[in-house]
Amino acid sequence: MKQTQRHDAIIELVKKQGYVSTEELVEHFSVSPQTIRRDLNDLAEQNMILRHHGGAALPSSSVNTPWHDRKATQTEEKERIARKVAAQIPNGSTLFIDIGTTPEAVAHALLGHSNLRIVTNNLNVANTLMAKEDFRIILAGGELRSRDGGIIGEATQDFIAQFRLDFGILGISGIDSDGSLLEFDYHEVRTKRGDYRKFAPRDAGGGSL
């Protein structure tokens, strides 16, 4: 494959996935890590991608709405989604609850449950659920994002990956016309992709999560 063809293919992968790692690209194209790094550097210089340590993400001028604003919008819809999701989770389950105001609404809807084991990278979720003495709350390590209480980074991904989960409550920023799930922060893209492989999807809600 010519370099220009590989560049085009890399851009398509980044658009499709939101984030792609160097290791994935090396395996996909059967080339050396050095070749992929040169490709990513070339594309970053052309502003076709955003270069990150260990991979690349799609450049975007979009900025996520502040957490306090998202928390106060579409509250009835979020509560309705939360009740439907919570109704599908039996007592005694092990689940992951993600960053986002809709996952936080689900956490609140779970307060009537018993004996849940909850892994989360969301401080707001932990604060909501800590009052339940029969819940076991496991908080992921990593970098704290002060604007919304999210915990992100490679340490977060590695920590979550060690658990066997029955359910996962994932927040997303939107859904593209082709059905792709969209997110603003590439750290979250990597975490969600890893989490998504650990359980089957059960429910979804629209809007800003």
N, C-alpha and C. Protein backbone atom coordinates (compact mmCIF):
# COMPACT_ATOMS: atom_id res chain seq x y z
N MET A 1 0.84 -1.19 0.00
CA MET A 1 0.00 0.00 0.00
C MET A 1 0.88 1.25 0.00
N LYS A 2 0.55 2.20 -0.87
CA LYS A 2 1.31 3.45 -0.93
C LYS A 2 1.03 4.30 0.31
N GLN A 3 1.97 5.21 0.58
CA GLN A 3 1.84 6.04 1.78
C GLN A 3 0.55 6.87 1.75
N THR A 4 0.24 7.45 0.59
CA THR A 4 -0.98 8.28 0.49
C THR A 4 -2.23 7.45 0.76
N GLN A 5 -2.24 6.22 0.27
CA GLN A 5 -3.38 5.34 0.53
C GLN A 5 -3.48 4.99 2.01
N ARG A 6 -2.33 4.76 2.62
CA ARG A 6 -2.32 4.44 4.06
C ARG A 6 -2.79 5.64 4.87
N HIS A 7 -2.36 6.84 4.47
CA HIS A 7 -2.80 8.05 5.16
C HIS A 7 -4.32 8.18 5.10
N ASP A 8 -4.88 7.97 3.91
CA ASP A 8 -6.34 8.06 3.76
C ASP A 8 -7.05 7.02 4.63
N ALA A 9 -6.48 5.82 4.66
CA ALA A 9 -7.09 4.75 5.46
C ALA A 9 -7.00 5.05 6.95
N ILE A 10 -5.89 5.65 7.38
CA ILE A 10 -5.74 6.03 8.79
C ILE A 10 -6.79 7.06 9.17
N ILE A 11 -6.98 8.05 8.31
CA ILE A 11 -7.98 9.09 8.59
C ILE A 11 -9.37 8.48 8.72
N GLU A 12 -9.70 7.54 7.84
CA GLU A 12 -11.00 6.89 7.90
C GLU A 12 -11.17 6.10 9.20
N LEU A 13 -10.12 5.43 9.63
CA LEU A 13 -10.19 4.68 10.89
C LEU A 13 -10.40 5.62 12.08
N VAL A 14 -9.68 6.74 12.07
CA VAL A 14 -9.82 7.70 13.16
C VAL A 14 -11.23 8.29 13.17
N LYS A 15 -11.76 8.59 11.99
CA LYS A 15 -13.13 9.12 11.90
C LYS A 15 -14.14 8.10 12.42
N LYS A 16 -13.92 6.85 12.09
CA LYS A 16 -14.86 5.79 12.48
C LYS A 16 -14.82 5.51 13.97
N GLN A 17 -13.60 5.49 14.55
CA GLN A 17 -13.44 5.05 15.93
C GLN A 17 -13.29 6.20 16.93
N GLY A 18 -12.95 7.40 16.44
CA GLY A 18 -12.72 8.52 17.35
C GLY A 18 -11.30 8.57 17.85
N TYR A 19 -10.72 7.42 18.11
CA TYR A 19 -9.32 7.31 18.54
C TYR A 19 -8.79 5.97 18.06
N VAL A 20 -7.54 5.96 17.63
CA VAL A 20 -6.90 4.71 17.22
C VAL A 20 -5.47 4.70 17.74
N SER A 21 -5.05 3.58 18.27
CA SER A 21 -3.71 3.48 18.86
C SER A 21 -2.67 3.11 17.81
N THR A 22 -1.42 3.44 18.11
CA THR A 22 -0.32 3.08 17.22
C THR A 22 -0.27 1.57 17.02
N GLU A 23 -0.47 0.82 18.10
CA GLU A 23 -0.42 -0.64 18.02
C GLU A 23 -1.49 -1.19 17.07
N GLU A 24 -2.68 -0.62 17.13
CA GLU A 24 -3.75 -1.06 16.23
C GLU A 24 -3.38 -0.82 14.78
N LEU A 25 -2.79 0.34 14.51
CA LEU A 25 -2.42 0.69 13.14
C LEU A 25 -1.29 -0.19 12.62
N VAL A 26 -0.32 -0.49 13.48
CA VAL A 26 0.78 -1.38 13.10
C VAL A 26 0.23 -2.74 12.68
N GLU A 27 -0.69 -3.25 13.48
CA GLU A 27 -1.29 -4.56 13.17
C GLU A 27 -2.16 -4.50 11.93
N HIS A 28 -2.93 -3.42 11.81
CA HIS A 28 -3.87 -3.29 10.69
C HIS A 28 -3.14 -3.22 9.34
N PHE A 29 -2.05 -2.45 9.29
CA PHE A 29 -1.34 -2.23 8.03
C PHE A 29 -0.11 -3.12 7.85
N SER A 30 0.23 -3.88 8.89
CA SER A 30 1.40 -4.77 8.83
C SER A 30 2.67 -4.00 8.46
N VAL A 31 2.87 -2.88 9.15
CA VAL A 31 4.08 -2.08 8.96
C VAL A 31 4.73 -1.86 10.33
N SER A 32 5.89 -1.23 10.34
CA SER A 32 6.62 -1.03 11.59
C SER A 32 6.02 0.12 12.40
N PRO A 33 6.23 0.13 13.71
CA PRO A 33 5.79 1.27 14.53
C PRO A 33 6.39 2.59 14.05
N GLN A 34 7.63 2.56 13.58
CA GLN A 34 8.28 3.78 13.10
C GLN A 34 7.54 4.35 11.89
N THR A 35 7.09 3.46 11.01
CA THR A 35 6.34 3.92 9.83
C THR A 35 5.03 4.58 10.25
N ILE A 36 4.32 3.96 11.18
CA ILE A 36 3.06 4.53 11.64
C ILE A 36 3.29 5.86 12.34
N ARG A 37 4.32 5.96 13.14
CA ARG A 37 4.60 7.23 13.83
C ARG A 37 4.87 8.34 12.81
N ARG A 38 5.62 8.01 11.75
CA ARG A 38 5.86 9.02 10.71
C ARG A 38 4.56 9.41 10.03
N ASP A 39 3.71 8.42 9.76
CA ASP A 39 2.41 8.72 9.15
C ASP A 39 1.59 9.65 10.03
N LEU A 40 1.54 9.34 11.32
CA LEU A 40 0.74 10.15 12.24
C LEU A 40 1.30 11.55 12.37
N ASN A 41 2.61 11.67 12.40
CA ASN A 41 3.22 13.00 12.48
C ASN A 41 2.91 13.81 11.22
N ASP A 42 2.98 13.16 10.05
CA ASP A 42 2.66 13.86 8.80
C ASP A 42 1.21 14.34 8.79
N LEU A 43 0.30 13.47 9.21
CA LEU A 43 -1.12 13.84 9.22
C LEU A 43 -1.41 14.92 10.25
N ALA A 44 -0.72 14.87 11.38
CA ALA A 44 -0.92 15.90 12.40
C ALA A 44 -0.44 17.26 11.91
N GLU A 45 0.67 17.28 11.16
CA GLU A 45 1.18 18.54 10.61
C GLU A 45 0.20 19.15 9.61
N GLN A 46 -0.60 18.29 8.96
CA GLN A 46 -1.61 18.76 8.02
C GLN A 46 -2.95 19.05 8.71
N ASN A 47 -2.97 18.92 10.04
CA ASN A 47 -4.19 19.13 10.83
C ASN A 47 -5.32 18.17 10.45
N MET A 48 -4.93 16.99 9.97
CA MET A 48 -5.92 15.97 9.63
C MET A 48 -6.30 15.12 10.84
N ILE A 49 -5.39 15.03 11.80
CA ILE A 49 -5.63 14.29 13.04
C ILE A 49 -5.02 15.07 14.19
N LEU A 50 -5.35 14.66 15.40
CA LEU A 50 -4.67 15.15 16.60
C LEU A 50 -3.74 14.04 17.08
N ARG A 51 -2.48 14.35 17.21
CA ARG A 51 -1.49 13.36 17.63
C ARG A 51 -1.47 13.28 19.14
N HIS A 52 -1.59 12.08 19.67
CA HIS A 52 -1.51 11.85 21.11
C HIS A 52 -0.49 10.77 21.38
N HIS A 53 0.02 10.74 22.60
CA HIS A 53 0.96 9.69 22.96
C HIS A 53 0.28 8.33 22.81
N GLY A 54 0.84 7.51 21.94
CA GLY A 54 0.28 6.17 21.75
C GLY A 54 -0.78 6.06 20.69
N GLY A 55 -1.08 7.16 19.98
CA GLY A 55 -2.10 7.07 18.95
C GLY A 55 -2.53 8.41 18.41
N ALA A 56 -3.75 8.45 17.87
CA ALA A 56 -4.26 9.68 17.25
C ALA A 56 -5.77 9.75 17.40
N ALA A 57 -6.28 10.97 17.40
CA ALA A 57 -7.72 11.20 17.52
C ALA A 57 -8.15 12.17 16.43
N LEU A 58 -9.44 12.30 16.28
CA LEU A 58 -10.01 13.19 15.27
C LEU A 58 -10.00 14.62 15.78
N PRO A 59 -9.46 15.57 15.01
CA PRO A 59 -9.49 16.96 15.46
C PRO A 59 -10.92 17.47 15.45
N SER A 60 -11.25 18.29 16.42
CA SER A 60 -12.61 18.80 16.52
C SER A 60 -12.60 20.18 17.14
N SER A 61 -13.42 21.07 16.60
CA SER A 61 -13.58 22.40 17.18
C SER A 61 -14.71 22.42 18.19
N SER A 62 -15.36 21.25 18.35
CA SER A 62 -16.48 21.16 19.28
C SER A 62 -15.99 21.17 20.72
N VAL A 63 -16.73 21.82 21.58
CA VAL A 63 -16.43 21.83 23.00
C VAL A 63 -17.67 21.35 23.74
N ASN A 64 -17.50 20.43 24.63
CA ASN A 64 -18.63 19.89 25.35
C ASN A 64 -19.28 20.96 26.22
N THR A 65 -20.60 20.90 26.34
CA THR A 65 -21.33 21.81 27.21
C THR A 65 -20.88 21.60 28.65
N PRO A 66 -20.72 22.69 29.43
CA PRO A 66 -20.30 22.54 30.83
C PRO A 66 -21.20 21.57 31.60
N TRP A 67 -20.61 20.86 32.56
CA TRP A 67 -21.32 19.83 33.31
C TRP A 67 -22.56 20.38 33.99
N HIS A 68 -22.46 21.54 34.63
CA HIS A 68 -23.61 22.11 35.35
C HIS A 68 -24.77 22.39 34.40
N ASP A 69 -24.46 22.83 33.18
CA ASP A 69 -25.51 23.08 32.20
C ASP A 69 -26.15 21.78 31.74
N ARG A 70 -25.33 20.75 31.49
CA ARG A 70 -25.87 19.45 31.07
C ARG A 70 -26.70 18.82 32.18
N LYS A 71 -26.25 19.01 33.42
CA LYS A 71 -26.97 18.45 34.57
C LYS A 71 -28.39 19.00 34.66
N ALA A 72 -28.56 20.25 34.25
CA ALA A 72 -29.85 20.92 34.41
C ALA A 72 -30.75 20.79 33.18
N THR A 73 -30.27 20.15 32.11
CA THR A 73 -31.07 20.04 30.89
C THR A 73 -31.60 18.62 30.72
N GLN A 74 -32.77 18.53 30.09
CA GLN A 74 -33.42 17.25 29.77
C GLN A 74 -33.50 16.32 30.99
N THR A 75 -33.80 16.91 32.13
CA THR A 75 -33.81 16.12 33.37
C THR A 75 -34.90 15.05 33.36
N GLU A 76 -36.08 15.37 32.83
CA GLU A 76 -37.15 14.38 32.79
C GLU A 76 -36.78 13.20 31.91
N GLU A 77 -36.17 13.50 30.74
CA GLU A 77 -35.76 12.43 29.83
C GLU A 77 -34.70 11.55 30.47
N LYS A 78 -33.75 12.17 31.15
CA LYS A 78 -32.69 11.40 31.81
C LYS A 78 -33.25 10.52 32.93
N GLU A 79 -34.18 11.06 33.67
CA GLU A 79 -34.78 10.28 34.75
C GLU A 79 -35.58 9.10 34.19
N ARG A 80 -36.25 9.32 33.07
CA ARG A 80 -37.02 8.24 32.44
C ARG A 80 -36.09 7.14 31.93
N ILE A 81 -35.01 7.55 31.29
CA ILE A 81 -34.00 6.57 30.84
C ILE A 81 -33.43 5.83 32.04
N ALA A 82 -33.11 6.58 33.09
CA ALA A 82 -32.50 5.98 34.28
C ALA A 82 -33.40 4.93 34.91
N ARG A 83 -34.69 5.21 34.99
CA ARG A 83 -35.62 4.24 35.58
C ARG A 83 -35.70 2.97 34.74
N LYS A 84 -35.72 3.13 33.41
CA LYS A 84 -35.79 1.97 32.53
C LYS A 84 -34.53 1.12 32.64
N VAL A 85 -33.38 1.78 32.69
CA VAL A 85 -32.12 1.04 32.80
C VAL A 85 -32.02 0.34 34.14
N ALA A 86 -32.35 1.06 35.22
CA ALA A 86 -32.26 0.48 36.56
C ALA A 86 -33.17 -0.73 36.71
N ALA A 87 -34.31 -0.70 36.04
CA ALA A 87 -35.26 -1.82 36.14
C ALA A 87 -34.70 -3.11 35.54
N GLN A 88 -33.70 -2.99 34.67
CA GLN A 88 -33.12 -4.17 34.02
C GLN A 88 -31.94 -4.75 34.80
N ILE A 89 -31.55 -4.10 35.88
CA ILE A 89 -30.39 -4.53 36.64
C ILE A 89 -30.85 -5.24 37.91
N PRO A 90 -30.60 -6.53 38.04
CA PRO A 90 -31.04 -7.25 39.24
C PRO A 90 -30.15 -6.96 40.44
N ASN A 91 -30.69 -7.14 41.62
CA ASN A 91 -29.90 -7.01 42.84
C ASN A 91 -28.73 -8.00 42.79
N GLY A 92 -27.61 -7.59 43.38
CA GLY A 92 -26.44 -8.46 43.41
C GLY A 92 -25.56 -8.38 42.18
N SER A 93 -25.87 -7.50 41.24
CA SER A 93 -25.10 -7.39 40.01
C SER A 93 -23.79 -6.64 40.22
N THR A 94 -22.86 -6.87 39.30
CA THR A 94 -21.63 -6.08 39.21
C THR A 94 -21.72 -5.24 37.95
N LEU A 95 -21.55 -3.94 38.07
CA LEU A 95 -21.70 -3.08 36.91
C LEU A 95 -20.70 -1.94 36.91
N PHE A 96 -20.50 -1.38 35.73
CA PHE A 96 -19.67 -0.19 35.56
C PHE A 96 -20.57 0.99 35.26
N ILE A 97 -20.31 2.13 35.91
CA ILE A 97 -21.05 3.36 35.62
C ILE A 97 -20.04 4.41 35.18
N ASP A 98 -20.29 4.99 34.04
CA ASP A 98 -19.37 5.86 33.32
C ASP A 98 -19.53 7.34 33.72
N ILE A 99 -18.71 8.17 33.10
CA ILE A 99 -18.81 9.62 33.21
C ILE A 99 -20.04 10.10 32.44
N GLY A 100 -20.73 11.12 32.96
CA GLY A 100 -21.86 11.70 32.25
C GLY A 100 -23.05 11.92 33.16
N THR A 101 -23.89 12.87 32.79
CA THR A 101 -25.03 13.20 33.64
C THR A 101 -26.14 12.15 33.56
N THR A 102 -26.26 11.45 32.44
CA THR A 102 -27.25 10.37 32.36
C THR A 102 -26.81 9.16 33.18
N PRO A 103 -25.55 8.71 33.09
CA PRO A 103 -25.11 7.67 34.02
C PRO A 103 -25.29 8.07 35.48
N GLU A 104 -25.11 9.35 35.79
CA GLU A 104 -25.34 9.82 37.16
C GLU A 104 -26.80 9.68 37.55
N ALA A 105 -27.70 9.93 36.60
CA ALA A 105 -29.13 9.74 36.87
C ALA A 105 -29.44 8.26 37.11
N VAL A 106 -28.78 7.38 36.38
CA VAL A 106 -28.95 5.95 36.59
C VAL A 106 -28.48 5.56 37.99
N ALA A 107 -27.36 6.12 38.41
CA ALA A 107 -26.85 5.84 39.75
C ALA A 107 -27.89 6.19 40.81
N HIS A 108 -28.53 7.33 40.65
CA HIS A 108 -29.57 7.75 41.60
C HIS A 108 -30.75 6.78 41.57
N ALA A 109 -31.10 6.30 40.36
CA ALA A 109 -32.22 5.37 40.23
C ALA A 109 -31.91 4.00 40.83
N LEU A 110 -30.65 3.71 41.06
CA LEU A 110 -30.24 2.41 41.62
C LEU A 110 -30.25 2.39 43.14
N LEU A 111 -30.58 3.51 43.76
CA LEU A 111 -30.54 3.58 45.23
C LEU A 111 -31.53 2.63 45.89
N GLY A 112 -32.55 2.22 45.16
CA GLY A 112 -33.51 1.27 45.71
C GLY A 112 -33.07 -0.18 45.60
N HIS A 113 -31.93 -0.42 44.94
CA HIS A 113 -31.42 -1.78 44.79
C HIS A 113 -30.63 -2.21 46.03
N SER A 114 -30.21 -3.46 46.02
CA SER A 114 -29.42 -3.95 47.14
C SER A 114 -28.25 -4.80 46.64
N ASN A 115 -27.18 -4.77 47.43
CA ASN A 115 -26.00 -5.62 47.21
C ASN A 115 -25.40 -5.48 45.81
N LEU A 116 -25.30 -4.26 45.34
CA LEU A 116 -24.64 -4.03 44.05
C LEU A 116 -23.14 -3.83 44.25
N ARG A 117 -22.39 -4.27 43.27
CA ARG A 117 -20.94 -4.01 43.22
C ARG A 117 -20.72 -3.10 42.03
N ILE A 118 -20.27 -1.87 42.29
CA ILE A 118 -20.22 -0.85 41.24
C ILE A 118 -18.80 -0.35 41.06
N VAL A 119 -18.32 -0.47 39.83
CA VAL A 119 -17.04 0.09 39.43
C VAL A 119 -17.34 1.39 38.68
N THR A 120 -16.67 2.47 39.03
CA THR A 120 -16.95 3.74 38.35
C THR A 120 -15.70 4.60 38.25
N ASN A 121 -15.68 5.43 37.22
CA ASN A 121 -14.65 6.47 37.08
C ASN A 121 -15.31 7.84 37.17
N ASN A 122 -16.36 7.93 37.97
CA ASN A 122 -17.14 9.15 38.12
C ASN A 122 -17.32 9.46 39.61
N LEU A 123 -16.69 10.53 40.08
CA LEU A 123 -16.79 10.90 41.49
C LEU A 123 -18.22 11.21 41.90
N ASN A 124 -19.01 11.79 40.99
CA ASN A 124 -20.39 12.13 41.31
C ASN A 124 -21.22 10.86 41.56
N VAL A 125 -20.95 9.83 40.78
CA VAL A 125 -21.62 8.54 40.99
C VAL A 125 -21.25 7.96 42.34
N ALA A 126 -19.96 7.99 42.66
CA ALA A 126 -19.50 7.46 43.95
C ALA A 126 -20.15 8.21 45.11
N ASN A 127 -20.25 9.53 44.99
CA ASN A 127 -20.87 10.34 46.05
C ASN A 127 -22.35 10.01 46.21
N THR A 128 -23.03 9.76 45.09
CA THR A 128 -24.45 9.42 45.15
C THR A 128 -24.68 8.08 45.83
N LEU A 129 -23.83 7.11 45.54
CA LEU A 129 -24.07 5.73 45.99
C LEU A 129 -23.43 5.39 47.32
N MET A 130 -22.55 6.25 47.83
CA MET A 130 -21.81 5.90 49.04
C MET A 130 -22.70 5.78 50.27
N ALA A 131 -23.91 6.34 50.21
CA ALA A 131 -24.82 6.24 51.35
C ALA A 131 -25.38 4.82 51.53
N LYS A 132 -25.29 4.00 50.49
CA LYS A 132 -25.81 2.63 50.56
C LYS A 132 -24.76 1.71 51.17
N GLU A 133 -24.99 1.29 52.40
CA GLU A 133 -23.99 0.48 53.10
C GLU A 133 -23.83 -0.91 52.50
N ASP A 134 -24.86 -1.40 51.80
CA ASP A 134 -24.76 -2.74 51.21
C ASP A 134 -24.19 -2.70 49.79
N PHE A 135 -23.86 -1.51 49.29
CA PHE A 135 -23.21 -1.40 47.99
C PHE A 135 -21.70 -1.44 48.18
N ARG A 136 -21.02 -2.08 47.26
CA ARG A 136 -19.56 -2.03 47.25
C ARG A 136 -19.15 -1.12 46.10
N ILE A 137 -18.58 0.04 46.41
CA ILE A 137 -18.20 1.03 45.41
C ILE A 137 -16.70 0.95 45.17
N ILE A 138 -16.31 0.73 43.93
CA ILE A 138 -14.90 0.62 43.57
C ILE A 138 -14.58 1.76 42.62
N LEU A 139 -13.75 2.68 43.08
CA LEU A 139 -13.44 3.89 42.32
C LEU A 139 -12.12 3.72 41.58
N ALA A 140 -12.16 3.96 40.27
CA ALA A 140 -10.96 3.81 39.44
C ALA A 140 -9.93 4.89 39.76
N GLY A 141 -8.68 4.52 39.63
CA GLY A 141 -7.60 5.49 39.75
C GLY A 141 -7.38 6.20 38.42
N GLY A 142 -6.59 7.25 38.44
CA GLY A 142 -6.30 7.99 37.22
C GLY A 142 -6.27 9.48 37.47
N GLU A 143 -6.41 10.24 36.40
CA GLU A 143 -6.36 11.71 36.48
C GLU A 143 -7.77 12.26 36.68
N LEU A 144 -7.95 13.08 37.72
CA LEU A 144 -9.25 13.67 38.00
C LEU A 144 -9.49 14.86 37.08
N ARG A 145 -10.61 14.85 36.38
CA ARG A 145 -11.01 15.97 35.53
C ARG A 145 -11.98 16.82 36.34
N SER A 146 -11.51 17.96 36.79
CA SER A 146 -12.26 18.74 37.78
C SER A 146 -13.57 19.29 37.25
N ARG A 147 -13.68 19.47 35.94
CA ARG A 147 -14.89 20.12 35.42
C ARG A 147 -16.15 19.27 35.57
N ASP A 148 -15.98 17.92 35.67
CA ASP A 148 -17.17 17.08 35.78
C ASP A 148 -17.00 15.89 36.71
N GLY A 149 -15.87 15.82 37.42
CA GLY A 149 -15.67 14.72 38.35
C GLY A 149 -15.30 13.41 37.70
N GLY A 150 -14.94 13.44 36.41
CA GLY A 150 -14.54 12.23 35.72
C GLY A 150 -13.09 11.87 36.01
N ILE A 151 -12.80 10.58 36.02
CA ILE A 151 -11.44 10.09 36.20
C ILE A 151 -11.02 9.42 34.90
N ILE A 152 -9.91 9.89 34.31
CA ILE A 152 -9.54 9.47 32.97
C ILE A 152 -8.07 9.08 32.91
N GLY A 153 -7.67 8.53 31.77
CA GLY A 153 -6.27 8.20 31.54
C GLY A 153 -6.04 6.71 31.41
N GLU A 154 -4.81 6.36 31.06
CA GLU A 154 -4.47 4.95 30.85
C GLU A 154 -4.61 4.14 32.14
N ALA A 155 -4.28 4.75 33.27
CA ALA A 155 -4.42 4.04 34.55
C ALA A 155 -5.87 3.66 34.80
N THR A 156 -6.78 4.54 34.40
CA THR A 156 -8.21 4.26 34.55
C THR A 156 -8.62 3.07 33.69
N GLN A 157 -8.18 3.07 32.44
CA GLN A 157 -8.52 1.98 31.53
C GLN A 157 -7.99 0.65 32.04
N ASP A 158 -6.74 0.64 32.49
CA ASP A 158 -6.14 -0.60 32.98
C ASP A 158 -6.86 -1.11 34.23
N PHE A 159 -7.27 -0.17 35.10
CA PHE A 159 -7.95 -0.55 36.33
C PHE A 159 -9.30 -1.21 36.02
N ILE A 160 -10.08 -0.57 35.16
CA ILE A 160 -11.42 -1.08 34.85
C ILE A 160 -11.34 -2.42 34.13
N ALA A 161 -10.30 -2.60 33.32
CA ALA A 161 -10.17 -3.81 32.50
C ALA A 161 -10.06 -5.09 33.32
N GLN A 162 -9.68 -4.96 34.59
CA GLN A 162 -9.46 -6.17 35.40
C GLN A 162 -10.75 -6.77 35.96
N PHE A 163 -11.87 -6.07 35.81
CA PHE A 163 -13.12 -6.53 36.41
C PHE A 163 -14.01 -7.27 35.41
N ARG A 164 -14.72 -8.27 35.92
CA ARG A 164 -15.76 -8.94 35.14
C ARG A 164 -17.09 -8.26 35.49
N LEU A 165 -17.76 -7.76 34.48
CA LEU A 165 -18.94 -6.93 34.69
C LEU A 165 -20.18 -7.58 34.10
N ASP A 166 -21.30 -7.45 34.81
CA ASP A 166 -22.58 -7.92 34.30
C ASP A 166 -23.24 -6.88 33.40
N PHE A 167 -23.06 -5.61 33.76
CA PHE A 167 -23.70 -4.52 33.03
C PHE A 167 -22.75 -3.33 32.95
N GLY A 168 -22.98 -2.49 31.97
CA GLY A 168 -22.23 -1.24 31.86
C GLY A 168 -23.14 -0.10 31.48
N ILE A 169 -23.05 1.00 32.19
CA ILE A 169 -23.83 2.21 31.90
C ILE A 169 -22.86 3.23 31.33
N LEU A 170 -22.89 3.41 30.01
CA LEU A 170 -21.95 4.30 29.33
C LEU A 170 -22.65 5.57 28.88
N GLY A 171 -22.00 6.71 29.11
CA GLY A 171 -22.49 7.98 28.61
C GLY A 171 -21.81 8.30 27.29
N ILE A 172 -22.54 8.91 26.36
CA ILE A 172 -21.96 9.35 25.10
C ILE A 172 -22.40 10.78 24.83
N SER A 173 -21.65 11.46 23.95
CA SER A 173 -21.98 12.85 23.63
C SER A 173 -22.98 12.95 22.48
N GLY A 174 -23.07 11.90 21.67
CA GLY A 174 -24.01 11.93 20.56
C GLY A 174 -23.89 10.68 19.72
N ILE A 175 -24.75 10.58 18.72
CA ILE A 175 -24.73 9.46 17.78
C ILE A 175 -24.71 10.03 16.37
N ASP A 176 -23.73 9.60 15.56
CA ASP A 176 -23.59 10.08 14.19
C ASP A 176 -24.68 9.47 13.31
N SER A 177 -24.82 10.00 12.09
CA SER A 177 -25.85 9.53 11.17
C SER A 177 -25.65 8.07 10.78
N ASP A 178 -24.40 7.57 10.87
CA ASP A 178 -24.14 6.17 10.53
C ASP A 178 -24.23 5.25 11.73
N GLY A 179 -24.65 5.80 12.88
CA GLY A 179 -24.79 5.00 14.08
C GLY A 179 -23.58 4.98 14.98
N SER A 180 -22.49 5.65 14.57
CA SER A 180 -21.28 5.69 15.38
C SER A 180 -21.52 6.51 16.65
N LEU A 181 -20.95 6.04 17.76
CA LEU A 181 -21.06 6.76 19.02
C LEU A 181 -19.98 7.84 19.07
N LEU A 182 -20.35 9.04 19.48
CA LEU A 182 -19.44 10.18 19.46
C LEU A 182 -19.10 10.63 20.87
N GLU A 183 -17.87 11.09 21.03
CA GLU A 183 -17.41 11.59 22.32
C GLU A 183 -16.43 12.73 22.10
N PHE A 184 -16.38 13.69 23.05
CA PHE A 184 -15.52 14.85 22.91
C PHE A 184 -14.07 14.58 23.31
N ASP A 185 -13.87 13.76 24.30
CA ASP A 185 -12.54 13.55 24.88
C ASP A 185 -11.99 12.20 24.45
N TYR A 186 -10.81 12.20 23.82
CA TYR A 186 -10.27 10.94 23.32
C TYR A 186 -9.95 9.97 24.44
N HIS A 187 -9.66 10.47 25.66
CA HIS A 187 -9.45 9.58 26.79
C HIS A 187 -10.71 8.75 27.05
N GLU A 188 -11.86 9.42 26.95
CA GLU A 188 -13.13 8.71 27.18
C GLU A 188 -13.41 7.71 26.08
N VAL A 189 -13.04 8.07 24.84
CA VAL A 189 -13.24 7.14 23.73
C VAL A 189 -12.53 5.82 24.01
N ARG A 190 -11.28 5.90 24.46
CA ARG A 190 -10.50 4.69 24.72
C ARG A 190 -11.11 3.88 25.87
N THR A 191 -11.54 4.58 26.91
CA THR A 191 -12.14 3.87 28.05
C THR A 191 -13.44 3.19 27.64
N LYS A 192 -14.29 3.90 26.91
CA LYS A 192 -15.58 3.33 26.51
C LYS A 192 -15.41 2.15 25.56
N ARG A 193 -14.45 2.26 24.65
CA ARG A 193 -14.21 1.15 23.73
C ARG A 193 -13.80 -0.10 24.49
N GLY A 194 -12.97 0.08 25.49
CA GLY A 194 -12.54 -1.06 26.30
C GLY A 194 -13.69 -1.63 27.11
N ASP A 195 -14.52 -0.75 27.68
CA ASP A 195 -15.64 -1.20 28.49
C ASP A 195 -16.70 -1.90 27.65
N TYR A 196 -16.93 -1.36 26.45
CA TYR A 196 -18.01 -1.87 25.60
C TYR A 196 -17.81 -3.34 25.26
N ARG A 197 -16.54 -3.76 25.15
CA ARG A 197 -16.25 -5.14 24.80
C ARG A 197 -16.55 -6.11 25.94
N LYS A 198 -16.78 -5.60 27.15
CA LYS A 198 -16.91 -6.46 28.32
C LYS A 198 -18.35 -6.87 28.61
N PHE A 199 -19.31 -6.24 27.90
CA PHE A 199 -20.70 -6.60 28.15
C PHE A 199 -21.53 -6.30 26.92
N ALA A 200 -22.71 -6.91 26.84
CA ALA A 200 -23.62 -6.68 25.72
C ALA A 200 -24.45 -5.44 25.99
N PRO A 201 -24.69 -4.59 24.96
CA PRO A 201 -25.51 -3.40 25.17
C PRO A 201 -26.95 -3.76 25.52
N ARG A 202 -27.53 -3.03 26.48
CA ARG A 202 -28.91 -3.32 26.92
C ARG A 202 -29.87 -2.19 26.59
N ASP A 203 -29.39 -0.94 26.64
CA ASP A 203 -30.29 0.18 26.45
C ASP A 203 -29.47 1.39 26.03
N ALA A 204 -30.13 2.39 25.48
CA ALA A 204 -29.43 3.61 25.07
C ALA A 204 -30.39 4.77 25.15
N GLY A 205 -29.85 5.96 25.37
CA GLY A 205 -30.67 7.16 25.39
C GLY A 205 -30.05 8.22 24.52
N GLY A 206 -30.86 9.12 23.99
CA GLY A 206 -30.35 10.15 23.11
C GLY A 206 -30.05 11.43 23.85
N GLY A 207 -29.54 12.41 23.09
CA GLY A 207 -29.26 13.71 23.67
C GLY A 207 -27.86 13.81 24.21
N SER A 208 -27.60 14.89 24.93
CA SER A 208 -26.29 15.12 25.52
C SER A 208 -26.19 14.37 26.83
N LEU A 209 -25.32 13.37 26.87
CA LEU A 209 -25.23 12.51 28.04
C LEU A 209 -24.08 12.94 28.94
